[in-house]
Protein backbone atom coordinates (compact mmCIF):
# COMPACT_ATOMS: atom_id res chain seq x y z
CA GLY A 1 0.00 0.00 0.00
CA ALA A 2 2.70 2.52 0.92
CA ALA A 3 4.63 1.91 -2.31
CA LEU A 4 1.45 2.14 -4.41
CA ALA A 5 0.39 5.35 -2.65
CA GLN A 6 3.70 6.91 -3.65
CA ALA A 7 3.96 5.50 -7.18
CA LEU A 8 0.33 5.65 -8.34
CA TYR A 9 -1.36 8.38 -6.32
CA GLY A 10 1.54 10.78 -5.80
CA ASP A 11 0.32 11.58 -2.29
CA VAL A 12 0.23 8.99 0.49
CA ALA A 13 -2.83 10.73 1.98
CA LEU A 14 -4.89 9.66 -1.05
CA ARG A 15 -4.45 5.90 -0.59
CA LEU A 16 -6.05 3.89 2.25
CA ILE A 17 -3.34 2.15 4.30
CA GLY A 18 -4.34 -0.12 7.18
CA ASP A 19 -0.91 -1.53 7.90
CA ILE A 20 2.65 -1.41 6.60
CA ASP A 21 3.73 -4.37 4.48
CA LEU A 22 7.45 -5.08 4.34
CA ALA A 23 8.96 -7.91 2.30
CA GLY A 24 12.34 -9.53 2.65
CA PRO A 25 14.11 -12.70 1.51
CA ALA A 26 13.29 -15.69 3.72
CA PRO A 27 16.90 -16.07 5.01
CA ASP A 28 16.76 -12.46 6.29
CA VAL A 29 13.48 -12.88 8.19
CA PRO A 30 15.06 -13.63 11.61
CA ALA A 31 17.15 -10.45 11.42
CA CYS A 32 14.16 -8.37 10.25
CA ARG A 33 12.04 -9.84 13.00
CA GLN A 34 14.63 -8.96 15.64
CA ALA A 35 14.88 -5.41 14.29
CA LEU A 36 11.13 -4.97 14.75
CA LEU A 37 11.28 -6.41 18.27
CA ASP A 38 14.10 -3.99 19.11
CA LEU A 39 11.88 -1.12 17.95
CA GLY A 40 9.16 -2.22 20.37
CA TYR A 41 6.88 -4.07 17.96
CA LEU A 42 5.27 -7.26 19.30
CA PRO A 43 4.03 -10.29 17.33
CA ASP A 44 0.25 -10.53 17.47
CA GLN A 45 0.10 -14.34 17.44
CA VAL A 46 1.83 -17.41 18.81
CA GLU A 47 3.07 -19.96 16.28
CA GLU A 48 1.65 -23.49 16.33
CA ARG A 49 5.29 -24.60 16.67
CA PRO A 50 8.48 -22.52 16.55
CA GLY A 51 9.29 -21.97 12.89
CA SER A 52 5.87 -23.02 11.57
CA LEU A 53 5.08 -19.56 10.17
CA LEU A 54 8.25 -19.48 8.10
CA ALA A 55 7.62 -23.01 6.86
CA HIS A 56 3.91 -22.80 6.02
CA ARG A 57 2.91 -19.14 5.87
CA ASN A 58 4.06 -16.00 4.10
CA GLN A 59 3.98 -13.35 6.81
CA GLU A 60 4.07 -12.41 10.48
CA ARG A 61 2.12 -9.47 11.88
CA PHE A 62 3.50 -7.12 14.56
CA GLU A 63 1.56 -4.64 16.67
CA PRO A 64 3.21 -1.21 17.08
CA PRO A 65 4.42 0.39 20.30
CA SER A 66 2.59 3.46 21.61
CA PRO A 67 1.91 6.06 20.23
CA TYR A 68 2.09 4.46 16.77
CA ARG A 69 -1.02 2.77 15.40
CA ALA A 70 -0.08 1.06 12.15
CA PRO A 71 0.78 -2.65 12.45
CA VAL A 72 3.65 -4.02 10.40
CA GLU A 73 3.35 -7.23 8.39
CA LEU A 74 6.68 -8.85 7.62
CA HIS A 75 6.39 -10.90 4.40
CA TRP A 76 8.76 -13.41 2.82
CA HIS A 77 6.42 -14.59 0.04
CA ILE A 78 3.53 -13.14 -1.93
CA LEU A 79 0.86 -15.74 -1.06
CA ASP A 80 -0.19 -17.53 2.11
CA VAL A 81 -0.77 -20.97 0.55
CA PRO A 82 1.73 -23.85 0.92
CA TYR A 83 1.47 -24.79 -2.77
CA TYR A 84 2.47 -21.30 -3.90
CA LEU A 85 5.23 -21.10 -1.30
CA ARG A 86 6.85 -24.00 -3.14
CA HIS A 87 5.73 -23.27 -6.68
CA ILE A 88 6.37 -19.53 -7.14
CA PRO A 89 10.05 -18.50 -6.97
CA MET A 90 10.34 -15.25 -5.04
CA GLU A 91 13.66 -14.64 -6.82
CA TRP A 92 11.64 -13.73 -9.91
CA PHE A 93 9.87 -10.94 -8.02
CA TRP A 94 13.12 -9.61 -6.56
CA GLN A 95 14.59 -9.57 -10.06
CA HIS A 96 11.53 -7.68 -11.29
CA SER A 97 11.67 -4.89 -8.74
CA GLN A 98 12.90 -1.32 -8.90
CA THR A 99 14.14 1.31 -6.46
CA CYS A 100 11.67 3.86 -5.11
CA SER A 101 12.18 6.58 -2.51
CA ILE A 102 9.62 6.67 0.30
CA ALA A 103 10.00 9.31 3.05
CA GLY A 104 13.52 9.96 1.77
CA GLN A 105 14.59 6.32 2.09
CA PRO A 106 15.28 3.94 -0.83
CA PHE A 107 13.16 0.78 -1.05
CA GLN A 108 12.77 -1.98 -3.59
CA VAL A 109 9.23 -2.08 -4.97
CA LEU A 110 7.69 -4.42 -7.53
CA SER A 111 7.80 -3.49 -11.22
CA PRO A 112 4.44 -2.88 -12.95
CA GLU A 113 4.54 -6.35 -14.55
CA ALA A 114 5.30 -8.02 -11.21
CA ASN A 115 2.49 -6.07 -9.56
CA LEU A 116 0.08 -7.25 -12.26
CA LEU A 117 0.82 -10.79 -11.13
CA TYR A 118 0.91 -10.14 -7.39
CA LEU A 119 -1.98 -7.70 -6.88
CA PRO A 120 -4.69 -9.76 -8.67
CA ALA A 121 -3.52 -12.95 -6.92
CA HIS A 122 -3.58 -11.21 -3.53
CA LEU A 123 -6.99 -9.65 -4.17
CA ALA A 124 -8.57 -12.87 -5.44
CA LEU A 125 -6.96 -15.62 -3.37
CA MET A 126 -6.38 -13.79 -0.09
CA HIS A 127 -9.31 -11.33 -0.02
CA ARG A 128 -11.93 -12.91 -2.33
CA PHE A 129 -12.11 -9.67 -4.38
CA GLN A 130 -13.13 -7.59 -1.35
CA GLY A 131 -11.84 -4.02 -1.50
CA LEU A 132 -12.64 -1.49 -4.20
CA HIS A 133 -9.38 0.37 -3.47
CA SER A 134 -7.42 -2.68 -4.65
CA LEU A 135 -9.25 -2.62 -7.99
CA LEU A 136 -8.54 1.11 -8.24
CA ASP A 137 -4.84 0.41 -7.65
CA LEU A 138 -4.85 -1.95 -10.61
CA ALA A 139 -6.80 0.46 -12.82
CA LEU A 140 -4.29 3.24 -12.11
CA LEU A 141 -1.37 0.86 -12.66
CA ILE A 142 -2.71 -0.08 -16.10
CA VAL A 143 -3.58 3.48 -17.15
CA GLN A 144 -0.27 5.00 -16.03
CA ASN A 145 1.90 2.33 -17.65
CA GLY A 146 -0.13 1.86 -20.84
CA ASP A 147 1.85 0.50 -23.78
CA ARG A 148 4.90 -0.15 -21.60
CA LEU A 149 3.21 -3.24 -20.14
CA ASP A 150 4.37 -6.49 -21.69
CA TRP A 151 1.08 -8.41 -21.58
CA ASP A 152 2.51 -11.40 -23.44
CA ARG A 153 5.07 -11.89 -20.67
CA ILE A 154 2.52 -11.21 -17.93
CA ALA A 155 0.19 -13.84 -19.38
CA ALA A 156 2.99 -16.39 -19.77
CA MET A 157 4.21 -15.90 -16.19
CA ALA A 158 0.64 -16.05 -14.81
CA GLN A 159 0.24 -19.43 -16.49
CA SER A 160 3.66 -20.59 -15.26
CA PHE A 161 2.91 -19.55 -11.67
CA ASP A 162 -0.64 -21.03 -11.72
CA LEU A 163 -2.13 -17.57 -11.25
CA LEU A 164 -3.92 -17.41 -14.59
CA ALA A 165 -7.43 -17.95 -13.18
CA ALA A 166 -6.96 -15.19 -10.60
CA LEU A 167 -5.61 -12.72 -13.17
CA ARG A 168 -8.40 -13.43 -15.67
CA ALA A 169 -11.13 -13.05 -13.04
CA THR A 170 -9.62 -9.81 -11.74
CA LEU A 171 -9.39 -8.23 -15.19
CA ASP A 172 -13.00 -9.27 -15.80
CA ARG A 173 -14.01 -7.33 -12.68
CA LEU A 174 -11.91 -4.34 -13.72
CA THR A 175 -13.67 -4.31 -17.09
CA CYS A 176 -17.06 -4.29 -15.36
CA CYS A 177 -16.06 -1.40 -13.10
CA TRP A 178 -14.21 0.65 -15.73
CA PRO A 179 -15.21 -0.38 -19.29
CA SER A 180 -12.89 2.26 -20.78
CA LEU A 181 -9.74 0.48 -19.57
CA PRO A 182 -7.65 -0.91 -22.46
CA LEU A 183 -8.12 -4.56 -21.48
CA ASP A 184 -9.65 -6.19 -24.55
CA GLU A 185 -6.33 -7.42 -25.96
CA PRO A 186 -4.86 -8.48 -22.57
CA ARG A 187 -8.03 -10.48 -21.81
CA ARG A 188 -7.89 -12.11 -25.25
CA LEU A 189 -4.28 -13.17 -24.54
CA LEU A 190 -5.23 -14.56 -21.14
CA TYR A 191 -8.26 -16.48 -22.38
CA ALA A 192 -6.18 -18.02 -25.18
CA LEU A 193 -4.20 -19.83 -22.46
CA THR A 194 -5.44 -22.76 -20.40
CA PRO A 195 -5.03 -22.75 -16.61
CA SER A 196 -3.73 -25.93 -15.02
CA PRO A 197 -6.08 -28.17 -13.00
CA THR A 198 -4.26 -27.06 -9.82
CA ASP A 199 -4.77 -23.40 -10.72
CA VAL A 200 -8.51 -23.94 -11.27
CA ARG A 201 -8.94 -26.01 -8.13
CA LEU A 202 -7.16 -23.59 -5.81
CA PHE A 203 -8.96 -20.62 -7.36
CA ARG A 204 -12.35 -22.24 -6.65
CA LEU A 205 -11.42 -23.16 -3.10
CA LEU A 206 -9.83 -19.84 -2.16
CA THR A 207 -12.50 -17.59 -3.72
CA ALA A 208 -15.52 -19.55 -2.50
CA GLU A 209 -18.20 -17.69 -0.58
CA PRO A 210 -19.05 -17.54 2.22
CA ARG A 211 -15.53 -17.34 3.58
CA ALA A 212 -14.69 -20.30 5.81
CA PRO A 213 -11.37 -20.61 7.67
CA LEU A 214 -11.65 -24.41 7.54
CA LEU A 215 -12.00 -24.24 3.74
CA ASP A 216 -8.76 -22.25 3.61
CA PHE A 217 -7.17 -24.90 5.82
CA TYR A 218 -8.45 -27.63 3.50
CA ALA A 219 -6.96 -25.78 0.52
CA ASP A 220 -3.62 -25.58 2.35
CA LEU A 221 -3.77 -29.27 3.19
CA ALA A 222 -4.76 -30.32 -0.33
CA SER A 223 -1.99 -28.23 -1.90
CA LEU A 224 0.82 -30.01 -0.05
CA PRO A 225 2.87 -32.37 -2.26
CA ASP A 226 2.33 -35.77 -0.63
CA LEU A 227 0.66 -37.68 2.20
CA PRO A 228 3.56 -37.38 4.72
CA ALA A 229 3.62 -33.59 4.27
CA ARG A 230 -0.15 -33.45 4.75
CA MET A 231 0.02 -35.57 7.90
CA ARG A 232 2.74 -33.35 9.39
CA PHE A 233 0.70 -30.24 8.59
CA LEU A 234 -2.44 -31.80 10.07
CA LEU A 235 -0.67 -32.81 13.29
CA LEU A 236 0.97 -29.41 13.57
CA ASN A 237 -2.39 -27.67 13.46
CA THR A 238 -4.27 -30.22 15.58
CA PHE A 239 -1.72 -30.36 18.41
CA PRO A 240 0.06 -26.99 18.53
CA GLN A 241 2.45 -26.00 21.29
CA ARG A 242 1.16 -25.13 24.76
CA ALA A 243 1.73 -21.37 24.38
CA TYR A 244 -0.55 -21.35 21.33
CA MET A 245 -3.30 -23.22 23.17
CA VAL A 246 -3.10 -20.89 26.17
CA ARG A 247 -3.49 -17.82 23.98
CA ARG A 248 -6.07 -19.32 21.61
CA TYR A 249 -8.41 -20.78 24.26
CA GLY A 250 -7.50 -18.86 27.40
CA VAL A 251 -6.38 -22.01 29.24
CA ARG A 252 -5.93 -21.07 32.89
CA SER A 253 -4.46 -24.25 34.41
CA ALA A 254 -2.12 -26.96 33.14
CA TRP A 255 -4.59 -29.74 34.01
CA GLN A 256 -7.13 -28.23 31.59
CA LEU A 257 -4.79 -28.47 28.62
CA PRO A 258 -5.51 -32.13 27.61
CA TYR A 259 -9.23 -31.40 27.58
CA TRP A 260 -8.73 -28.41 25.27
CA TYR A 261 -6.66 -30.57 22.93
CA LEU A 262 -9.53 -33.08 22.86
CA TYR A 263 -11.98 -30.25 22.20
CA ARG A 264 -9.81 -28.93 19.37
CA LEU A 265 -9.57 -32.42 17.84
CA ALA A 266 -13.33 -33.12 18.05
CA ASP A 267 -14.47 -29.65 17.00
CA GLY A 268 -12.00 -29.50 14.12
CA GLY A 269 -12.92 -33.00 12.96
CA LEU A 270 -16.63 -32.24 12.80
CA LYS A 271 -16.06 -28.97 10.98
CA MET A 272 -13.65 -30.64 8.56
CA VAL A 273 -16.32 -33.18 7.54
CA ARG A 274 -18.60 -30.31 6.49
CA THR A 275 -15.69 -28.54 4.82
CA VAL A 276 -14.75 -31.58 2.74
CA ARG A 277 -18.33 -31.83 1.50
CA GLN A 278 -18.23 -28.16 0.48
CA ALA A 279 -14.84 -28.62 -1.19
CA LEU A 280 -16.07 -31.61 -3.19
CA ARG A 281 -19.00 -29.56 -4.47
CA LEU A 282 -16.60 -26.83 -5.54
CA ARG A 283 -14.60 -29.30 -7.63
CA SER A 284 -17.51 -29.64 -10.05
CA PRO A 285 -17.57 -27.05 -12.88
């Protein structure tokens, strides 16, 4: 948001910003995390196990010290889905970035082509197309860059990264909102390509309404590469560390902990049965 406010709007006061998103290479995350802790920021969640966020997620959120109010989200990948953590090489996005000055400090920000892969995927798969300001960001990005956009390369990379369905659906929504946008040829290029079965399946699961956290969990589980990886992920989330349980359920005494684990197992199991039924319905065209 901060980078887009500077690059697209020219005035940070014109772009809604709820938090500050910072991205860094995964090997640098521990150092970045420590820098935030030294500044007084505090993580707003407890990991299921130490290191589980870095292994299975794409970000960690930190609450600011007083008097500041904007949380900081430290990212190491563009999407919060295990399949994309493995499938999309973040090196490509670092290579397709450029230097921008924000508040007098130099930062790397995504190039227009990289943003046209990231922003639609984030809007569709993470936010189910909620947020008119995100569509406006994309409209401004397209208008301001015009003929400089290499749509052939954008389309090819969207197909390669299994983000074709998200990009097509987002451009369809942009066309409905702003019919004057020059999107006829880009949409023709995109619809000439065929999304992979994995792309289609994850798009249906992650954009389904109404939003259901267990459906997101099912999508994460289904996107893992093999049965052992799925079992490890399932056990990690079913039996997280004690600190997580204490914060999640407000466990007051150690003797209560086994009962809360049993509750989590039973409650999650029942909800997962309903979620699997919903997921199977979504697999049908």
